[in-house]
Protein backbone atom coordinates (compact mmCIF):
# COMPACT_ATOMS: atom_id res chain seq x y z
CA MET A 1 0.00 0.16 0.10
CA SER A 2 1.22 3.16 -0.88
CA PHE A 3 1.59 6.39 1.01
CA THR A 4 -1.85 8.49 0.56
CA LEU A 5 -2.79 11.99 0.91
CA TYR A 6 -4.95 10.74 3.93
CA ASP A 7 -1.77 9.78 5.60
CA ALA A 8 0.11 13.14 5.18
CA SER A 9 -3.16 14.89 6.68
CA ILE A 10 -5.55 13.40 9.01
CA PRO A 11 -3.01 11.19 11.19
CA VAL A 12 -0.93 14.19 11.32
CA PHE A 13 -3.49 16.56 12.85
CA LEU A 14 -4.40 13.76 15.26
CA ARG A 15 -1.10 13.37 16.27
CA GLY A 16 -0.69 17.10 16.87
CA PHE A 17 -3.83 17.71 18.47
CA GLY A 18 -2.47 14.63 21.05
CA GLN A 19 0.50 16.27 21.56
CA LEU A 20 -0.98 19.85 22.18
CA SER A 21 -3.47 18.46 24.80
CA GLY A 22 -0.56 17.04 26.78
CA ILE A 23 1.19 20.21 26.38
CA LEU A 24 -2.24 21.78 27.82
CA ASP A 25 -1.96 19.19 30.97
CA LYS A 26 1.07 20.28 31.62
CA ALA A 27 0.26 23.97 31.97
CA VAL A 28 -2.57 23.35 34.13
CA ALA A 29 -0.55 21.30 36.36
CA HIS A 30 1.79 24.17 36.46
CA ALA A 31 -0.73 26.83 37.26
CA GLU A 32 -1.89 25.04 40.08
CA VAL A 33 1.73 24.28 41.71
CA LYS A 34 2.87 27.79 41.16
CA LYS A 35 -0.60 29.17 41.80
CA ILE A 36 -0.88 31.36 38.63
CA ASP A 37 -4.41 32.04 37.66
CA PRO A 38 -5.03 29.85 34.68
CA SER A 39 -6.17 32.78 32.41
CA VAL A 40 -2.71 34.43 32.68
CA PHE A 41 -1.67 31.31 29.97
CA ILE A 42 -5.05 31.55 27.87
CA ASN A 43 -4.61 35.25 27.22
CA ALA A 44 -0.63 35.26 26.99
CA ARG A 45 0.89 35.89 23.71
CA LEU A 46 4.17 36.53 22.35
CA ALA A 47 3.65 39.81 20.65
CA PRO A 48 0.94 42.33 21.06
CA ASP A 49 0.21 41.87 17.55
CA MET A 50 -0.23 38.04 17.66
CA TYR A 51 -3.06 36.05 19.13
CA THR A 52 -3.49 34.45 22.29
CA LEU A 53 -2.80 30.82 23.51
CA ALA A 54 -6.28 30.37 23.17
CA GLY A 55 -6.58 31.89 19.42
CA GLN A 56 -3.27 29.52 18.56
CA ILE A 57 -5.25 26.89 19.43
CA GLN A 58 -8.54 28.02 18.01
CA THR A 59 -6.95 28.71 14.67
CA ALA A 60 -4.99 25.38 14.70
CA SER A 61 -8.54 23.65 15.04
CA ASP A 62 -9.61 25.75 11.87
CA ALA A 63 -6.83 24.65 9.79
CA ALA A 64 -7.19 21.04 10.76
CA LYS A 65 -11.15 20.82 10.39
CA PHE A 66 -10.93 22.99 7.05
CA ALA A 67 -8.21 21.13 5.48
CA GLY A 68 -10.04 17.96 6.26
CA ALA A 69 -13.18 18.87 5.05
CA ARG A 70 -11.74 20.46 2.19
CA LEU A 71 -9.57 17.33 1.09
CA ALA A 72 -12.37 15.26 1.44
CA GLY A 73 -15.21 17.48 -0.16
CA VAL A 74 -17.29 17.64 3.02
CA GLU A 75 -18.84 20.78 5.19
CA ALA A 76 -16.20 21.50 7.95
CA PRO A 77 -18.46 22.29 11.54
CA SER A 78 -18.37 25.76 12.59
CA PHE A 79 -17.05 25.97 16.33
CA SER A 80 -17.40 29.65 18.08
CA ASP A 81 -13.98 31.03 19.23
CA ASP A 82 -14.75 31.94 22.89
CA GLU A 83 -13.00 29.32 24.86
CA LYS A 84 -11.79 30.96 27.85
CA SER A 85 -10.23 28.12 29.67
CA PHE A 86 -8.13 25.15 29.67
CA ASP A 87 -11.11 22.42 29.89
CA GLU A 88 -12.60 24.84 27.30
CA LEU A 89 -9.76 24.31 24.90
CA GLN A 90 -9.13 20.47 25.61
CA GLN A 91 -13.18 20.20 24.49
CA ARG A 92 -12.65 22.15 21.14
CA ILE A 93 -9.67 20.09 20.20
CA ALA A 94 -11.67 17.12 21.53
CA LYS A 95 -14.55 18.32 18.57
CA THR A 96 -11.86 18.80 16.22
CA VAL A 97 -10.53 15.24 16.67
CA ALA A 98 -13.79 13.80 16.52
CA PHE A 99 -14.40 15.40 13.48
CA LEU A 100 -11.13 14.53 11.89
CA LYS A 101 -11.78 10.69 12.77
CA GLY A 102 -15.28 10.90 11.60
CA ILE A 103 -13.70 11.45 8.05
CA ASP A 104 -13.85 8.67 5.49
CA PRO A 105 -10.40 7.86 4.37
CA SER A 106 -11.60 7.05 1.08
CA ALA A 107 -12.67 10.58 0.24
CA ILE A 108 -9.38 11.62 0.74
CA VAL A 109 -7.12 9.22 -0.79
CA GLY A 110 -6.65 9.98 -4.55
CA GLN A 111 -7.87 13.64 -4.27
CA GLU A 112 -4.07 15.12 -4.65
CA GLY A 113 -5.39 16.44 -7.78
CA ARG A 114 -8.79 17.70 -6.25
CA GLU A 115 -9.23 21.53 -6.77
CA ILE A 116 -9.24 23.64 -3.91
CA VAL A 117 -10.28 27.18 -4.00
CA LEU A 118 -10.13 29.31 -1.20
CA LYS A 119 -11.90 32.69 -1.22
CA ARG A 120 -9.73 35.72 -0.48
CA GLN A 121 -10.74 39.11 -0.68
CA THR A 122 -7.96 39.62 -2.97
CA GLY A 123 -9.51 37.08 -5.19
CA ASP A 124 -9.86 33.51 -5.15
CA ILE A 125 -6.68 31.09 -4.77
CA HIS A 126 -6.90 27.98 -6.76
CA LEU A 127 -4.40 24.66 -5.47
CA THR A 128 -4.63 20.94 -5.91
CA GLY A 129 -5.49 18.96 -3.01
CA ALA A 130 -1.77 18.21 -2.78
CA THR A 131 -0.38 21.65 -3.10
CA TYR A 132 -3.15 23.02 -0.60
CA LEU A 133 -2.06 20.45 2.04
CA GLN A 134 1.67 20.65 2.01
CA GLY A 135 2.20 24.28 0.98
CA LEU A 136 -0.68 25.89 3.23
CA ALA A 137 -2.61 23.62 5.61
CA LEU A 138 0.10 21.73 7.24
CA PRO A 139 2.77 24.71 7.64
CA ASN A 140 -0.25 26.90 8.99
CA PHE A 141 -1.19 23.85 11.57
CA TYR A 142 2.05 23.52 12.65
CA PHE A 143 2.86 27.65 13.34
CA HIS A 144 -0.14 27.67 15.32
CA ILE A 145 0.72 24.52 17.65
CA VAL A 146 4.34 25.36 18.14
CA THR A 147 3.06 29.25 18.78
CA ALA A 148 1.05 27.73 21.55
CA TYR A 149 3.83 25.79 23.05
CA ASP A 150 6.10 28.53 22.51
CA ILE A 151 3.79 30.69 24.62
CA LEU A 152 3.54 28.36 27.32
CA ARG A 153 7.44 27.80 27.66
CA HIS A 154 7.91 31.51 27.47
CA ASN A 155 5.58 31.94 30.42
CA GLY A 156 7.51 29.06 32.26
CA VAL A 157 5.63 25.79 31.72
CA GLU A 158 8.12 23.07 32.03
CA ILE A 159 7.72 21.69 28.72
CA GLY A 160 10.58 20.75 26.29
CA LYS A 161 10.99 19.38 22.43
CA SER A 162 10.09 16.10 23.29
CA ASP A 163 6.39 17.16 24.55
CA TYR A 164 6.01 18.73 21.13
CA LEU A 165 7.68 16.11 19.29
CA GLY A 166 6.23 13.00 21.58
CA LYS A 167 7.52 9.44 20.06
CA PRO A 168 7.38 8.45 16.61
């Protein structure tokens, strides 16, 4: 069996969310031990013009669910971006994971050439499924996952590279 577009997408997103969920658990434990109000982490950002931790997780969720939906030719669920606690962020991750797990692999396998049209104010962008996944969806997902990691690490949560990478 050959490596497919499904293999390069949905399992990658699921793994990333597994690692992110574990990192959030460590942030909760750190906040408890250090007696830090969890909202300090939820609202933290690396620069004034960047998303907060909550925004990074919401955007990673959107990147993954829209990628899965676009590649499979299905409608993505709509989630409100109103998470204000670690529990709510974990629920957001769980809803995203449930949606991704519900995508039929056969809907993505062989869709490397499927046209993906992204509606932008500056005009539509036309990409193949493979180009969309490799050039936009995965880099966007990883950017927001690693930025969430960076926000927590910057704020003293004791996490390291192995927490981000996990075990292969």
